[in-house]
Amino acid sequence: MLARSHTWLLQAENLLLFGPSGVGKTHLAIAITMAMIDQDQACRFFPATALVQLLQKAKASFELPALIQKLDRYSLLVIDDISYVRRSELETSVLFELICHRYERKSLLVTSNQPFREWDEIFPSGSMTVAAVDRLVHHCHIVGIKGDSYRQKQAAARVASDQSDPPTSLTRAPGPSRSTTPPAQLNRTKAATRKLGHRP
């Protein structure tokens, strides 16, 4: 339903996708983003670590407010794999500022392989975690994806295929002798060589 209409973007609602690694969160996020672009909505996709690095660089040059304001041009900002951002005041404070700025202004689509109770590993303090989650979920659609990793399934299928159809071992077919000189000619050559070697 979210892919069929961009109404949730007009209302500055967020979308959170949860699930273990390999179940398709990023693929789903990309599909929804492409659907929004088809509906003339400006979108931007970031791996979470890349976004944090960009925000850190802007903060170091005293340009963070300008960058955050610049990102307002996008109705949807995708933060993929937020759980890969590690707890650090330097890193996650800039991410927290972005979340606060977009609250009730613009939409965020966030993917995570960790539930909220483990987000203390992302933000440097419990109070910052609570404040970030509170802003994200206030106007939000939450989707939980269950299942096994597609990558692991594909790897297991390849292993099973290799075991059922092992590669044929390669053997060298017997070939001709290295010397193609007829034996009689070879003997005459050796004899001539011996005579030359004992010439007075």
C-alpha atoms as a PDB file:
ATOM      1  CA  MET A   1       0.000   0.000   0.000  1.00  0.00           C
ATOM      2  CA  LEU A   2       2.843   2.411   0.850  1.00  0.00           C
ATOM      3  CA  ALA A   3       4.331   1.912  -2.603  1.00  0.00           C
ATOM      4  CA  ARG A   4       1.041   2.753  -4.338  1.00  0.00           C
ATOM      5  CA  SER A   5       0.546   6.171  -2.787  1.00  0.00           C
ATOM      6  CA  HIS A   6       2.838   8.935  -1.623  1.00  0.00           C
ATOM      7  CA  THR A   7       0.276  10.333   0.829  1.00  0.00           C
ATOM      8  CA  TRP A   8       2.442   9.227   3.749  1.00  0.00           C
ATOM      9  CA  LEU A   9       5.235  11.445   2.424  1.00  0.00           C
ATOM     10  CA  LEU A  10       2.917  14.429   2.226  1.00  0.00           C
ATOM     11  CA  GLN A  11       2.091  13.806   5.891  1.00  0.00           C
ATOM     12  CA  ALA A  12       5.765  13.483   6.846  1.00  0.00           C
ATOM     13  CA  GLU A  13       5.300   9.931   8.091  1.00  0.00           C
ATOM     14  CA  ASN A  14       8.208   7.554   8.540  1.00  0.00           C
ATOM     15  CA  LEU A  15       8.689   3.915   7.582  1.00  0.00           C
ATOM     16  CA  LEU A  16      10.799   1.508   9.622  1.00  0.00           C
ATOM     17  CA  LEU A  17      11.781  -1.907   8.256  1.00  0.00           C
ATOM     18  CA  PHE A  18      13.048  -4.450  10.778  1.00  0.00           C
ATOM     19  CA  GLY A  19      14.393  -7.932  10.208  1.00  0.00           C
ATOM     20  CA  PRO A  20      17.498 -10.108  10.406  1.00  0.00           C
ATOM     21  CA  SER A  21      20.287  -9.818   7.880  1.00  0.00           C
ATOM     22  CA  GLY A  22      19.531 -11.134   4.404  1.00  0.00           C
ATOM     23  CA  VAL A  23      15.711 -11.067   4.440  1.00  0.00           C
ATOM     24  CA  GLY A  24      15.382  -8.301   1.848  1.00  0.00           C
ATOM     25  CA  LYS A  25      15.039  -5.055   3.817  1.00  0.00           C
ATOM     26  CA  THR A  26      17.299  -3.082   1.499  1.00  0.00           C
ATOM     27  CA  HIS A  27      15.602  -4.485  -1.619  1.00  0.00           C
ATOM     28  CA  LEU A  28      12.200  -3.521  -0.236  1.00  0.00           C
ATOM     29  CA  ALA A  29      13.445  -0.054   0.694  1.00  0.00           C
ATOM     30  CA  ILE A  30      14.792   0.457  -2.821  1.00  0.00           C
ATOM     31  CA  ALA A  31      11.539  -0.767  -4.391  1.00  0.00           C
ATOM     32  CA  ILE A  32       9.478   1.645  -2.288  1.00  0.00           C
ATOM     33  CA  THR A  33      11.880   4.476  -3.070  1.00  0.00           C
ATOM     34  CA  MET A  34      11.636   3.800  -6.802  1.00  0.00           C
ATOM     35  CA  ALA A  35       7.840   3.766  -6.538  1.00  0.00           C
ATOM     36  CA  MET A  36       7.939   7.176  -4.861  1.00  0.00           C
ATOM     37  CA  ILE A  37      10.232   8.527  -7.573  1.00  0.00           C
ATOM     38  CA  ASP A  38       7.743   7.292 -10.180  1.00  0.00           C
ATOM     39  CA  GLN A  39       5.192   9.462  -8.369  1.00  0.00           C
ATOM     40  CA  ASP A  40       7.426  12.528  -8.784  1.00  0.00           C
ATOM     41  CA  GLN A  41       8.696  12.516  -5.213  1.00  0.00           C
ATOM     42  CA  ALA A  42      12.312  13.505  -4.611  1.00  0.00           C
ATOM     43  CA  CYS A  43      14.157  10.756  -2.735  1.00  0.00           C
ATOM     44  CA  ARG A  44      17.713  10.093  -1.593  1.00  0.00           C
ATOM     45  CA  PHE A  45      19.193   6.749  -0.507  1.00  0.00           C
ATOM     46  CA  PHE A  46      22.108   6.510   1.951  1.00  0.00           C
ATOM     47  CA  PRO A  47      23.845   3.610   3.628  1.00  0.00           C
ATOM     48  CA  ALA A  48      23.760   4.731   7.258  1.00  0.00           C
ATOM     49  CA  THR A  49      27.542   4.738   7.660  1.00  0.00           C
ATOM     50  CA  ALA A  50      27.989   6.849   4.506  1.00  0.00           C
ATOM     51  CA  LEU A  51      25.375   9.352   5.710  1.00  0.00           C
ATOM     52  CA  VAL A  52      27.046   9.659   9.108  1.00  0.00           C
ATOM     53  CA  GLN A  53      30.415  10.281   7.453  1.00  0.00           C
ATOM     54  CA  LEU A  54      28.854  12.993   5.280  1.00  0.00           C
ATOM     55  CA  LEU A  55      27.248  14.655   8.298  1.00  0.00           C
ATOM     56  CA  GLN A  56      30.484  14.443  10.289  1.00  0.00           C
ATOM     57  CA  LYS A  57      32.427  16.086   7.496  1.00  0.00           C
ATOM     58  CA  ALA A  58      29.878  18.892   7.322  1.00  0.00           C
ATOM     59  CA  LYS A  59      30.004  19.380  11.084  1.00  0.00           C
ATOM     60  CA  ALA A  60      33.815  19.554  11.042  1.00  0.00           C
ATOM     61  CA  SER A  61      33.615  22.404   8.517  1.00  0.00           C
ATOM     62  CA  PHE A  62      30.750  24.113  10.405  1.00  0.00           C
ATOM     63  CA  GLU A  63      28.330  23.367   7.566  1.00  0.00           C
ATOM     64  CA  LEU A  64      26.048  20.807   9.267  1.00  0.00           C
ATOM     65  CA  PRO A  65      22.952  23.065   9.507  1.00  0.00           C
ATOM     66  CA  ALA A  66      23.311  23.973   5.838  1.00  0.00           C
ATOM     67  CA  LEU A  67      23.618  20.306   4.812  1.00  0.00           C
ATOM     68  CA  ILE A  68      20.629  19.238   6.876  1.00  0.00           C
ATOM     69  CA  GLN A  69      18.638  22.082   5.344  1.00  0.00           C
ATOM     70  CA  LYS A  70      19.794  21.001   1.887  1.00  0.00           C
ATOM     71  CA  LEU A  71      18.515  17.473   2.524  1.00  0.00           C
ATOM     72  CA  ASP A  72      15.050  18.952   3.058  1.00  0.00           C
ATOM     73  CA  ARG A  73      14.671  19.021  -0.710  1.00  0.00           C
ATOM     74  CA  TYR A  74      14.044  15.260  -0.510  1.00  0.00           C
ATOM     75  CA  SER A  75      10.574  14.171   0.530  1.00  0.00           C
ATOM     76  CA  LEU A  76      12.036  10.792   1.484  1.00  0.00           C
ATOM     77  CA  LEU A  77      15.442  10.141   2.950  1.00  0.00           C
ATOM     78  CA  VAL A  78      16.453   6.483   3.220  1.00  0.00           C
ATOM     79  CA  ILE A  79      18.871   5.428   5.977  1.00  0.00           C
ATOM     80  CA  ASP A  80      19.842   1.846   5.255  1.00  0.00           C
ATOM     81  CA  ASP A  81      21.260  -0.416   7.980  1.00  0.00           C
ATOM     82  CA  ILE A  82      21.239   2.085  10.828  1.00  0.00           C
ATOM     83  CA  SER A  83      22.358  -0.658  13.214  1.00  0.00           C
ATOM     84  CA  TYR A  84      25.820  -0.675  11.603  1.00  0.00           C
ATOM     85  CA  VAL A  85      26.454   2.763  13.068  1.00  0.00           C
ATOM     86  CA  ARG A  86      28.333   2.245  16.339  1.00  0.00           C
ATOM     87  CA  ARG A  87      27.849   4.120  19.569  1.00  0.00           C
ATOM     88  CA  SER A  88      29.966   7.266  19.500  1.00  0.00           C
ATOM     89  CA  GLU A  89      29.199  10.816  20.521  1.00  0.00           C
ATOM     90  CA  LEU A  90      31.038  12.049  17.433  1.00  0.00           C
ATOM     91  CA  GLU A  91      29.130   9.787  15.036  1.00  0.00           C
ATOM     92  CA  THR A  92      25.575   9.477  16.276  1.00  0.00           C
ATOM     93  CA  SER A  93      25.084  13.011  17.558  1.00  0.00           C
ATOM     94  CA  VAL A  94      24.957  14.229  13.948  1.00  0.00           C
ATOM     95  CA  LEU A  95      22.493  11.464  13.059  1.00  0.00           C
ATOM     96  CA  PHE A  96      20.354  12.482  16.015  1.00  0.00           C
ATOM     97  CA  GLU A  97      20.354  16.077  14.805  1.00  0.00           C
ATOM     98  CA  LEU A  98      19.109  14.952  11.394  1.00  0.00           C
ATOM     99  CA  ILE A  99      16.296  12.868  12.911  1.00  0.00           C
ATOM    100  CA  CYS A 100      15.224  15.764  15.108  1.00  0.00           C
ATOM    101  CA  HIS A 101      15.279  18.200  12.204  1.00  0.00           C
ATOM    102  CA  ARG A 102      13.107  16.050   9.944  1.00  0.00           C
ATOM    103  CA  TYR A 103      10.573  15.254  12.664  1.00  0.00           C
ATOM    104  CA  GLU A 104       7.102  16.231  11.385  1.00  0.00           C
ATOM    105  CA  ARG A 105       8.747  17.953   8.418  1.00  0.00           C
ATOM    106  CA  LYS A 106      10.003  15.254   6.038  1.00  0.00           C
ATOM    107  CA  SER A 107       9.879  11.456   5.903  1.00  0.00           C
ATOM    108  CA  LEU A 108      12.554   8.941   6.800  1.00  0.00           C
ATOM    109  CA  LEU A 109      12.758   5.307   5.729  1.00  0.00           C
ATOM    110  CA  VAL A 110      15.043   3.406   8.098  1.00  0.00           C
ATOM    111  CA  THR A 111      16.125  -0.228   7.906  1.00  0.00           C
ATOM    112  CA  SER A 112      17.605  -2.093  10.859  1.00  0.00           C
ATOM    113  CA  ASN A 113      18.507  -5.638  11.809  1.00  0.00           C
ATOM    114  CA  GLN A 114      18.233  -4.749  15.499  1.00  0.00           C
ATOM    115  CA  PRO A 115      15.017  -4.063  17.450  1.00  0.00           C
ATOM    116  CA  PHE A 116      14.542  -0.836  19.388  1.00  0.00           C
ATOM    117  CA  ARG A 117      15.676  -2.436  22.648  1.00  0.00           C
ATOM    118  CA  GLU A 118      19.165  -2.803  21.153  1.00  0.00           C
ATOM    119  CA  TRP A 119      19.444   0.728  19.794  1.00  0.00           C
ATOM    120  CA  ASP A 120      21.417   1.713  22.890  1.00  0.00           C
ATOM    121  CA  GLU A 121      24.321   0.278  20.889  1.00  0.00           C
ATOM    122  CA  ILE A 122      23.751   2.984  18.261  1.00  0.00           C
ATOM    123  CA  PHE A 123      23.302   6.154  20.324  1.00  0.00           C
ATOM    124  CA  PRO A 124      25.738   7.199  23.059  1.00  0.00           C
ATOM    125  CA  SER A 125      23.147   7.531  25.821  1.00  0.00           C
ATOM    126  CA  GLY A 126      19.836   5.998  26.770  1.00  0.00           C
ATOM    127  CA  SER A 127      18.146   9.392  26.789  1.00  0.00           C
ATOM    128  CA  MET A 128      19.281  10.095  23.214  1.00  0.00           C
ATOM    129  CA  THR A 129      18.041   6.653  22.127  1.00  0.00           C
ATOM    130  CA  VAL A 130      14.624   7.283  23.658  1.00  0.00           C
ATOM    131  CA  ALA A 131      14.397  10.727  22.083  1.00  0.00           C
ATOM    132  CA  ALA A 132      15.395   9.434  18.619  1.00  0.00           C
ATOM    133  CA  VAL A 133      12.991   6.482  18.716  1.00  0.00           C
ATOM    134  CA  ASP A 134      10.190   8.703  20.030  1.00  0.00           C
ATOM    135  CA  ARG A 135      10.501  11.038  17.042  1.00  0.00           C
ATOM    136  CA  LEU A 136      10.778   8.225  14.527  1.00  0.00           C
ATOM    137  CA  VAL A 137       7.728   6.270  15.695  1.00  0.00           C
ATOM    138  CA  HIS A 138       5.349   9.150  16.422  1.00  0.00           C
ATOM    139  CA  HIS A 139       4.070   9.215  12.826  1.00  0.00           C
ATOM    140  CA  CYS A 140       5.317   5.918  11.527  1.00  0.00           C
ATOM    141  CA  HIS A 141       4.642   2.656   9.726  1.00  0.00           C
ATOM    142  CA  ILE A 142       6.595  -0.265  11.171  1.00  0.00           C
ATOM    143  CA  VAL A 143       7.161  -3.448   9.163  1.00  0.00           C
ATOM    144  CA  GLY A 144       8.799  -6.540  10.617  1.00  0.00           C
ATOM    145  CA  ILE A 145      10.252  -9.089   8.196  1.00  0.00           C
ATOM    146  CA  LYS A 146      10.843 -12.646   9.360  1.00  0.00           C
ATOM    147  CA  GLY A 147      12.604 -15.510   7.659  1.00  0.00           C
ATOM    148  CA  ASP A 148      15.980 -16.943   6.820  1.00  0.00           C
ATOM    149  CA  SER A 149      18.659 -15.102   4.924  1.00  0.00           C
ATOM    150  CA  TYR A 150      18.218 -15.304   1.164  1.00  0.00           C
ATOM    151  CA  ARG A 151      21.989 -15.229   0.789  1.00  0.00           C
ATOM    152  CA  GLN A 152      22.377 -18.230   3.069  1.00  0.00           C
ATOM    153  CA  LYS A 153      19.622 -20.071   1.191  1.00  0.00           C
ATOM    154  CA  GLN A 154      21.345 -19.420  -2.123  1.00  0.00           C
ATOM    155  CA  ALA A 155      24.701 -20.537  -0.731  1.00  0.00           C
ATOM    156  CA  ALA A 156      23.138 -23.735   0.627  1.00  0.00           C
ATOM    157  CA  ALA A 157      21.485 -24.401  -2.740  1.00  0.00           C
ATOM    158  CA  ARG A 158      24.838 -24.007  -4.524  1.00  0.00           C
ATOM    159  CA  VAL A 159      26.504 -26.415  -2.104  1.00  0.00           C
ATOM    160  CA  ALA A 160      23.728 -28.956  -2.600  1.00  0.00           C
ATOM    161  CA  SER A 161      23.999 -28.577  -6.366  1.00  0.00           C
ATOM    162  CA  ASP A 162      27.776 -29.088  -6.289  1.00  0.00           C
ATOM    163  CA  GLN A 163      27.412 -32.207  -4.142  1.00  0.00           C
ATOM    164  CA  SER A 164      24.771 -33.761  -6.382  1.00  0.00           C
ATOM    165  CA  ASP A 165      26.717 -33.004  -9.556  1.00  0.00           C
ATOM    166  CA  PRO A 166      30.430 -33.008  -8.709  1.00  0.00           C
ATOM    167  CA  PRO A 167      32.819 -31.780 -11.389  1.00  0.00           C
ATOM    168  CA  THR A 168      34.342 -34.445 -13.617  1.00  0.00           C
ATOM    169  CA  SER A 169      38.042 -34.950 -12.910  1.00  0.00           C
ATOM    170  CA  LEU A 170      40.264 -34.132 -15.824  1.00  0.00           C
ATOM    171  CA  THR A 171      42.828 -36.758 -16.942  1.00  0.00           C
ATOM    172  CA  ARG A 172      45.423 -36.374 -19.635  1.00  0.00           C
ATOM    173  CA  ALA A 173      44.947 -38.783 -22.513  1.00  0.00           C
ATOM    174  CA  PRO A 174      48.085 -40.741 -23.440  1.00  0.00           C
ATOM    175  CA  GLY A 175      49.847 -38.913 -26.245  1.00  0.00           C
ATOM    176  CA  PRO A 176      52.679 -39.611 -28.640  1.00  0.00           C
ATOM    177  CA  SER A 177      56.267 -39.921 -27.474  1.00  0.00           C
ATOM    178  CA  ARG A 178      58.127 -36.662 -27.091  1.00  0.00           C
ATOM    179  CA  SER A 179      60.506 -37.674 -29.857  1.00  0.00           C
ATOM    180  CA  THR A 180      58.955 -38.080 -33.274  1.00  0.00           C
ATOM    181  CA  THR A 181      62.229 -39.169 -34.877  1.00  0.00           C
ATOM    182  CA  PRO A 182      62.046 -42.748 -36.208  1.00  0.00           C
ATOM    183  CA  PRO A 183      64.236 -45.144 -34.149  1.00  0.00           C
ATOM    184  CA  ALA A 184      66.429 -46.144 -37.135  1.00  0.00           C
ATOM    185  CA  GLN A 185      67.230 -42.508 -37.994  1.00  0.00           C
ATOM    186  CA  LEU A 186      67.896 -41.758 -34.343  1.00  0.00           C
ATOM    187  CA  ASN A 187      70.438 -44.571 -34.136  1.00  0.00           C
ATOM    188  CA  ARG A 188      72.260 -43.347 -37.267  1.00  0.00           C
ATOM    189  CA  THR A 189      72.408 -39.838 -35.836  1.00  0.00           C
ATOM    190  CA  LYS A 190      73.921 -41.096 -32.576  1.00  0.00           C
ATOM    191  CA  ALA A 191      76.497 -43.124 -34.488  1.00  0.00           C
ATOM    192  CA  ALA A 192      77.512 -40.114 -36.575  1.00  0.00           C
ATOM    193  CA  THR A 193      77.830 -38.041 -33.440  1.00  0.00           C
ATOM    194  CA  ARG A 194      80.139 -40.579 -31.868  1.00  0.00           C
ATOM    195  CA  LYS A 195      82.371 -40.606 -35.001  1.00  0.00           C
ATOM    196  CA  LEU A 196      82.623 -36.823 -35.013  1.00  0.00           C
ATOM    197  CA  GLY A 197      83.562 -36.850 -31.347  1.00  0.00           C
ATOM    198  CA  HIS A 198      86.519 -39.274 -31.991  1.00  0.00           C
ATOM    199  CA  ARG A 199      87.787 -37.707 -35.265  1.00  0.00           C
ATOM    200  CA  PRO A 200      91.647 -37.531 -35.249  1.00  0.00           C
END
